[in-house]
Amino acid sequence: MTQPIDAGPQADPSQASPLPRLIKRLLRGVALALAALVAFAGAWYFNLPQHLLRIVGSSEVQARPQSAATLAPSPASLALRVVSANVECFYCEANWDERSASTAGYLGGLAADLIGLQELVTDRDLEAVVPTTGDYELVVPRIFGQAYGDAAILFRASRFELLESGVVWLGRNQGLPLSAGWTVGLPRYVNWVLLRERDSGAELIFVNTHFDPNRPNKDASAPIFHEVVTALSARAPVIATGDFNTCTDAERFAIVCAPPIRDTHAIASAQGGEVDAGGWSDALDIDLIDHVLVAADAVQVVAWRVDDSDPDRSDHPYVMVDLVLGTERASGPSSQD
């Protein structure tokens, strides 16, 4: 009789090493993560979520502005106080309640006509910094009804009425809400309003923006900003504020400030207006990245100031400009510096 072959002791499955199963799980997790990353990158590159937002109509966004066929009469010169204020975001630094209250009180005390706010996000933090005095109206793009306040606009509603507004996104497709940039970065935009002074009927356009800090994004944003403001300036004089993440000696700033756009600091220096750079170099060619710009036939800059008196309020100094904007158009190019 043939004896069965002794195969030796059999392995107990319950005693098998867990290492192979762990490796398989890790490999499966890595594969899923890579697949998700590829899917996210593809959606980001082709702007799929942004196309969906446009289809469902959830974004209060207007297309790129067009030049008006005729210009509305603008019979007056307007004396204005304009402020560019990068409010350090609520999640960037602690003590938001204290900082926001300080900011709201400070902005209210300036009695500005036009304020460009940067680096805010939601309705909650926007409401925290809007001055309770001054009768300000807020203009900001909304997605599914929620504010995205990275370049919010405040104007004095008792003095001006809003005629029109729009947003151009600083991405590869500027007509898409939340259009993605050219490299990793947050969605950025150019926000603009067409205003009419209630007493005189004079019209102006106020623009606010915030360039992404990543260089490919801000390099590509500069010509878009210039094109948008140039188109708007054919309709009415333009005042623009913003955190451009760009110093005045950068090549990018020359693109931003190519004619018809001019820097109010340069105008003030040329006209002998008051210039107070605070603790910054008066040449402003090293660090200052927040600017107030104009595109108009006639501008007198009475005072240009940097306020860095309270570094706890924000990591950016605020720029405040008092100017007189000539709203009656000249027949030829401006001869004013």
Protein backbone atom coordinates (compact mmCIF):
# COMPACT_ATOMS: atom_id res chain seq x y z
CA MET A 1 0.00 0.00 0.00
CA THR A 2 1.30 3.43 -0.98
CA GLN A 3 1.91 5.67 1.96
CA PRO A 4 0.81 9.29 1.68
CA ILE A 5 3.61 11.72 1.24
CA ASP A 6 4.19 13.80 4.29
CA ALA A 7 4.10 17.43 3.11
CA GLY A 8 5.32 18.63 6.43
CA PRO A 9 3.58 21.06 8.72
CA GLN A 10 0.88 23.17 6.99
CA ALA A 11 0.88 26.95 7.37
CA ASP A 12 -1.85 28.33 9.54
CA PRO A 13 -3.53 31.15 7.61
CA SER A 14 -4.27 32.87 10.89
CA GLN A 15 -0.55 33.07 11.60
CA ALA A 16 0.38 34.59 8.19
CA SER A 17 2.41 37.78 8.29
CA PRO A 18 0.25 40.94 7.91
CA LEU A 19 3.06 42.67 6.01
CA PRO A 20 1.98 41.63 2.47
CA ARG A 21 -1.60 42.75 3.13
CA LEU A 22 -0.33 46.07 4.51
CA ILE A 23 1.84 46.62 1.45
CA LYS A 24 -1.12 45.88 -0.84
CA ARG A 25 -3.27 48.36 1.04
CA LEU A 26 -0.56 51.02 0.86
CA LEU A 27 -0.12 50.45 -2.86
CA ARG A 28 -3.88 50.62 -3.38
CA GLY A 29 -4.03 53.85 -1.39
CA VAL A 30 -1.17 55.37 -3.37
CA ALA A 31 -2.85 54.39 -6.64
CA LEU A 32 -6.14 55.95 -5.56
CA ALA A 33 -4.36 59.11 -4.40
CA LEU A 34 -2.54 59.40 -7.73
CA ALA A 35 -5.77 58.84 -9.63
CA ALA A 36 -7.49 61.55 -7.57
CA LEU A 37 -4.56 63.90 -8.15
CA VAL A 38 -4.67 63.31 -11.90
CA ALA A 39 -8.44 63.85 -11.92
CA PHE A 40 -8.09 67.06 -9.89
CA ALA A 41 -5.30 68.35 -12.14
CA GLY A 42 -7.36 67.60 -15.23
CA ALA A 43 -10.43 69.32 -13.81
CA TRP A 44 -8.29 72.32 -12.79
CA TYR A 45 -6.56 72.57 -16.17
CA PHE A 46 -9.77 72.35 -18.19
CA ASN A 47 -11.74 74.56 -15.78
CA LEU A 48 -14.48 71.95 -15.45
CA PRO A 49 -15.94 73.27 -12.15
CA GLN A 50 -15.91 76.81 -13.54
CA HIS A 51 -17.78 75.71 -16.69
CA LEU A 52 -20.34 74.03 -14.45
CA LEU A 53 -20.77 77.23 -12.42
CA ARG A 54 -21.43 79.16 -15.60
CA ILE A 55 -23.92 76.56 -16.84
CA VAL A 56 -25.95 76.47 -13.65
CA GLY A 57 -25.84 80.26 -13.41
CA SER A 58 -24.75 80.31 -9.78
CA SER A 59 -22.23 83.11 -10.19
CA GLU A 60 -23.06 86.81 -10.23
CA VAL A 61 -20.38 87.63 -12.79
CA GLN A 62 -20.36 89.80 -15.88
CA ALA A 63 -18.18 89.35 -18.91
CA ARG A 64 -15.19 91.45 -19.95
CA PRO A 65 -16.22 95.13 -20.21
CA GLN A 66 -16.68 96.65 -23.63
CA SER A 67 -16.02 100.22 -24.67
CA ALA A 68 -19.15 102.35 -24.82
CA ALA A 69 -20.22 103.64 -28.23
CA THR A 70 -20.90 107.09 -26.75
CA LEU A 71 -19.57 108.77 -23.64
CA ALA A 72 -21.90 110.08 -20.99
CA PRO A 73 -21.42 113.79 -20.23
CA SER A 74 -19.37 114.42 -17.11
CA PRO A 75 -19.60 118.09 -16.20
CA ALA A 76 -17.66 118.22 -12.95
CA SER A 77 -14.35 117.68 -11.24
CA LEU A 78 -14.56 115.38 -8.26
CA ALA A 79 -12.57 115.68 -5.05
CA LEU A 80 -12.13 112.16 -3.71
CA ARG A 81 -10.43 110.23 -0.93
CA VAL A 82 -9.41 106.74 -2.06
CA VAL A 83 -7.99 103.96 0.13
CA SER A 84 -6.37 100.64 -0.76
CA ALA A 85 -6.50 98.32 2.26
CA ASN A 86 -5.18 94.79 2.31
CA VAL A 87 -6.82 93.37 5.42
CA GLU A 88 -4.74 90.43 6.55
CA CYS A 89 -7.07 87.45 6.20
CA PHE A 90 -8.91 86.11 9.23
CA TYR A 91 -7.09 82.76 9.13
CA CYS A 92 -3.65 84.27 8.48
CA GLU A 93 -3.15 85.73 11.92
CA ALA A 94 -4.74 85.36 15.36
CA ASN A 95 -6.95 87.87 17.17
CA TRP A 96 -9.31 88.34 14.22
CA ASP A 97 -12.07 89.84 16.36
CA GLU A 98 -9.73 92.52 17.66
CA ARG A 99 -8.10 93.16 14.29
CA SER A 100 -11.41 93.39 12.40
CA ALA A 101 -12.91 95.78 14.95
CA SER A 102 -9.79 97.95 14.77
CA THR A 103 -9.94 97.90 10.96
CA ALA A 104 -13.62 98.85 10.82
CA GLY A 105 -13.06 101.73 13.21
CA TYR A 106 -9.99 102.94 11.36
CA LEU A 107 -11.62 102.83 7.93
CA GLY A 108 -14.69 104.60 9.24
CA GLY A 109 -12.52 107.39 10.62
CA LEU A 110 -10.87 108.03 7.25
CA ALA A 111 -14.12 109.26 5.68
CA ALA A 112 -13.03 107.77 2.35
CA ASP A 113 -15.27 107.89 -0.71
CA LEU A 114 -13.86 104.74 -2.32
CA ILE A 115 -12.21 101.80 -0.56
CA GLY A 116 -10.61 98.77 -2.17
CA LEU A 117 -10.37 95.82 0.23
CA GLN A 118 -8.16 92.81 -0.42
CA GLU A 119 -7.66 89.40 1.18
CA LEU A 120 -11.12 88.99 2.68
CA VAL A 121 -13.20 85.94 1.85
CA THR A 122 -16.68 85.42 3.27
CA ASP A 123 -19.65 87.59 4.18
CA ARG A 124 -18.74 87.12 7.84
CA ASP A 125 -15.29 88.68 7.63
CA LEU A 126 -16.45 91.32 5.13
CA GLU A 127 -19.19 92.45 7.49
CA ALA A 128 -16.66 92.57 10.33
CA VAL A 129 -14.52 95.25 8.64
CA VAL A 130 -17.11 97.36 6.79
CA PRO A 131 -17.45 100.64 8.73
CA THR A 132 -20.75 101.07 10.48
CA THR A 133 -20.53 104.80 9.72
CA GLY A 134 -20.32 106.34 6.27
CA ASP A 135 -23.20 104.63 4.48
CA TYR A 136 -20.94 102.29 2.46
CA GLU A 137 -22.24 99.88 -0.17
CA LEU A 138 -20.37 96.63 -0.76
CA VAL A 139 -19.80 95.17 -4.24
CA VAL A 140 -18.30 91.70 -4.43
CA PRO A 141 -18.72 88.62 -6.67
CA ARG A 142 -20.84 85.81 -5.31
CA ILE A 143 -20.78 82.09 -5.96
CA PHE A 144 -24.01 80.25 -5.05
CA GLY A 145 -24.92 83.44 -3.18
CA GLN A 146 -21.75 83.41 -1.08
CA ALA A 147 -19.32 86.31 -1.23
CA TYR A 148 -15.77 85.88 -2.42
CA GLY A 149 -14.25 89.08 -1.10
CA ASP A 150 -10.63 88.89 -2.23
CA ALA A 151 -11.00 92.24 -4.05
CA ALA A 152 -14.13 93.79 -2.55
CA ILE A 153 -15.27 97.33 -3.29
CA LEU A 154 -16.81 99.85 -0.88
CA PHE A 155 -18.23 103.16 -2.09
CA ARG A 156 -20.10 105.90 -0.28
CA ALA A 157 -23.72 105.27 -1.24
CA SER A 158 -24.90 108.65 0.02
CA ARG A 159 -22.68 110.31 -2.57
CA PHE A 160 -22.73 107.83 -5.48
CA GLU A 161 -25.25 105.59 -7.14
CA LEU A 162 -24.24 102.29 -8.72
CA LEU A 163 -24.95 102.11 -12.46
CA GLU A 164 -23.12 98.96 -13.45
CA SER A 165 -20.62 96.44 -12.12
CA GLY A 166 -18.59 93.53 -13.37
CA VAL A 167 -15.83 91.05 -12.67
CA VAL A 168 -13.04 89.77 -14.88
CA TRP A 169 -11.29 86.69 -13.51
CA LEU A 170 -7.51 86.60 -13.62
CA GLY A 171 -7.21 83.11 -15.08
CA ARG A 172 -6.76 81.36 -18.39
CA ASN A 173 -10.43 81.99 -19.22
CA GLN A 174 -11.40 85.36 -17.79
CA GLY A 175 -15.10 84.90 -18.48
CA LEU A 176 -15.38 81.86 -16.20
CA PRO A 177 -16.20 82.30 -12.50
CA LEU A 178 -13.28 81.26 -10.29
CA SER A 179 -11.16 80.73 -13.41
CA ALA A 180 -7.95 78.90 -12.55
CA GLY A 181 -4.62 80.64 -12.98
CA TRP A 182 -1.53 79.53 -14.82
CA THR A 183 -0.01 77.74 -11.84
CA VAL A 184 -1.16 76.83 -8.34
CA GLY A 185 -2.90 79.73 -6.63
CA LEU A 186 -6.23 81.09 -5.44
CA PRO A 187 -8.78 82.47 -7.92
CA ARG A 188 -8.20 86.19 -8.40
CA TYR A 189 -10.18 88.85 -10.23
CA VAL A 190 -10.60 92.48 -11.29
CA ASN A 191 -13.70 94.02 -9.69
CA TRP A 192 -15.18 97.22 -11.14
CA VAL A 193 -18.14 99.53 -10.66
CA LEU A 194 -19.51 102.41 -12.73
CA LEU A 195 -20.67 105.15 -10.37
CA ARG A 196 -22.55 108.42 -10.83
CA GLU A 197 -22.28 111.26 -8.34
CA ARG A 198 -25.77 112.06 -7.19
CA ASP A 199 -25.35 115.85 -7.09
CA SER A 200 -23.42 116.56 -10.29
CA GLY A 201 -24.19 113.55 -12.46
CA ALA A 202 -20.47 113.05 -13.06
CA GLU A 203 -19.48 109.44 -13.69
CA LEU A 204 -16.37 107.48 -12.78
CA ILE A 205 -15.26 103.87 -12.65
CA PHE A 206 -13.66 102.36 -9.56
CA VAL A 207 -11.57 99.21 -9.90
CA ASN A 208 -10.06 96.93 -7.28
CA THR A 209 -7.87 93.85 -7.68
CA HIS A 210 -5.53 91.46 -5.91
CA PHE A 211 -2.84 89.67 -7.91
CA ASP A 212 -1.83 86.16 -6.88
CA PRO A 213 1.67 86.09 -5.32
CA ASN A 214 2.92 83.21 -7.49
CA ARG A 215 4.99 84.77 -10.24
CA PRO A 216 3.48 83.02 -13.30
CA ASN A 217 0.01 84.08 -12.15
CA LYS A 218 0.84 87.72 -11.45
CA ASP A 219 2.95 88.02 -14.62
CA ALA A 220 -0.04 86.87 -16.67
CA SER A 221 -2.45 89.04 -14.67
CA ALA A 222 -0.68 92.32 -15.46
CA PRO A 223 -1.63 92.57 -19.16
CA ILE A 224 -5.19 91.43 -18.40
CA PHE A 225 -5.57 94.16 -15.78
CA HIS A 226 -4.16 96.76 -18.17
CA GLU A 227 -6.51 95.68 -20.96
CA VAL A 228 -9.56 95.77 -18.68
CA VAL A 229 -8.79 99.22 -17.25
CA THR A 230 -7.96 100.62 -20.69
CA ALA A 231 -11.32 99.43 -22.01
CA LEU A 232 -13.11 100.91 -19.02
CA SER A 233 -11.31 104.24 -19.35
CA ALA A 234 -12.97 104.74 -22.75
CA ARG A 235 -16.27 104.98 -20.86
CA ALA A 236 -15.35 107.16 -17.88
CA PRO A 237 -12.30 108.17 -15.79
CA VAL A 238 -10.93 105.24 -13.81
CA ILE A 239 -9.47 104.99 -10.31
CA ALA A 240 -7.93 101.63 -9.41
CA THR A 241 -6.68 100.20 -6.13
CA GLY A 242 -5.08 96.88 -5.39
CA ASP A 243 -2.49 94.62 -3.91
CA PHE A 244 -0.53 93.94 -7.07
CA ASN A 245 2.20 91.94 -5.30
CA THR A 246 4.46 94.10 -7.45
CA CYS A 247 6.98 96.81 -6.56
CA THR A 248 7.27 99.95 -8.64
CA ASP A 249 10.69 98.98 -10.02
CA ALA A 250 9.44 95.65 -11.41
CA GLU A 251 8.95 95.14 -15.16
CA ARG A 252 5.46 93.93 -14.35
CA PHE A 253 4.58 97.33 -12.88
CA ALA A 254 5.53 98.97 -16.16
CA ILE A 255 2.93 96.74 -17.84
CA VAL A 256 0.31 97.57 -15.23
CA CYS A 257 1.04 101.31 -15.51
CA ALA A 258 1.45 101.62 -19.26
CA PRO A 259 -0.62 104.50 -20.72
CA PRO A 260 -3.36 105.46 -20.11
CA ILE A 261 -2.80 104.20 -16.54
CA ARG A 262 -0.66 106.23 -14.12
CA ASP A 263 0.56 105.77 -10.56
CA THR A 264 -0.76 108.38 -8.12
CA HIS A 265 2.53 108.39 -6.21
CA ALA A 266 4.38 109.43 -9.36
CA ILE A 267 1.75 112.07 -10.11
CA ALA A 268 1.97 113.50 -6.59
CA SER A 269 5.76 113.66 -6.80
CA ALA A 270 5.63 115.42 -10.18
CA GLN A 271 2.93 117.88 -9.11
CA GLY A 272 4.41 118.74 -5.73
CA GLY A 273 1.54 117.21 -3.81
CA GLU A 274 1.95 116.00 -0.25
CA VAL A 275 3.84 112.70 -0.14
CA ASP A 276 4.12 110.80 3.14
CA ALA A 277 5.64 107.36 2.69
CA GLY A 278 5.50 106.53 6.39
CA GLY A 279 8.34 104.21 7.27
CA TRP A 280 8.85 103.20 3.63
CA SER A 281 11.39 104.48 1.17
CA ASP A 282 10.02 107.48 -0.69
CA ALA A 283 11.37 105.93 -3.89
CA LEU A 284 9.03 102.98 -3.21
CA ASP A 285 11.14 100.73 -5.39
CA ILE A 286 11.79 97.97 -2.86
CA ASP A 287 8.86 96.75 -0.80
CA LEU A 288 5.54 98.52 -1.31
CA ILE A 289 3.21 96.36 -3.40
CA ASP A 290 -0.14 98.14 -2.80
CA HIS A 291 -0.96 100.97 -5.20
CA VAL A 292 -3.59 103.50 -6.23
CA LEU A 293 -3.69 104.13 -9.98
CA VAL A 294 -5.69 106.36 -12.32
CA ALA A 295 -6.64 106.44 -15.98
CA ALA A 296 -8.05 109.89 -16.70
CA ASP A 297 -7.32 112.95 -18.79
CA ALA A 298 -6.85 115.27 -15.82
CA VAL A 299 -5.85 114.35 -12.29
CA GLN A 300 -4.44 116.40 -9.43
CA VAL A 301 -3.06 114.37 -6.53
CA VAL A 302 -3.32 116.57 -3.46
CA ALA A 303 -1.90 114.04 -0.98
CA TRP A 304 -0.49 110.51 -1.16
CA ARG A 305 0.11 108.72 2.12
CA VAL A 306 1.15 105.34 3.47
CA ASP A 307 -0.18 104.44 6.92
CA ASP A 308 1.89 101.77 8.64
CA SER A 309 1.20 103.14 12.13
CA ASP A 310 -0.43 99.95 13.41
CA PRO A 311 1.30 96.78 12.17
CA ASP A 312 -1.02 94.67 14.33
CA ARG A 313 -3.97 95.67 12.14
CA SER A 314 -2.53 94.06 8.99
CA ASP A 315 0.74 92.90 7.49
CA HIS A 316 0.23 95.51 4.72
CA PRO A 317 0.30 99.28 5.13
CA TYR A 318 -2.76 101.06 3.79
CA VAL A 319 -2.40 103.59 0.97
CA MET A 320 -4.62 106.68 1.07
CA VAL A 321 -4.86 109.25 -1.73
CA ASP A 322 -6.67 112.58 -1.88
CA LEU A 323 -7.15 113.64 -5.48
CA VAL A 324 -9.21 115.82 -7.78
CA LEU A 325 -10.45 113.90 -10.78
CA GLY A 326 -11.25 115.86 -13.91
CA THR A 327 -14.29 114.13 -15.35
CA GLU A 328 -14.73 116.34 -18.41
CA ARG A 329 -12.83 114.72 -21.23
CA ALA A 330 -10.24 116.58 -23.27
CA SER A 331 -10.29 116.34 -27.06
CA GLY A 332 -6.65 115.29 -27.23
CA PRO A 333 -4.09 113.49 -25.10
CA SER A 334 -3.39 114.84 -21.66
CA SER A 335 -0.44 117.17 -21.25
CA GLN A 336 -0.44 116.70 -17.52
CA ASP A 337 2.29 114.66 -15.86
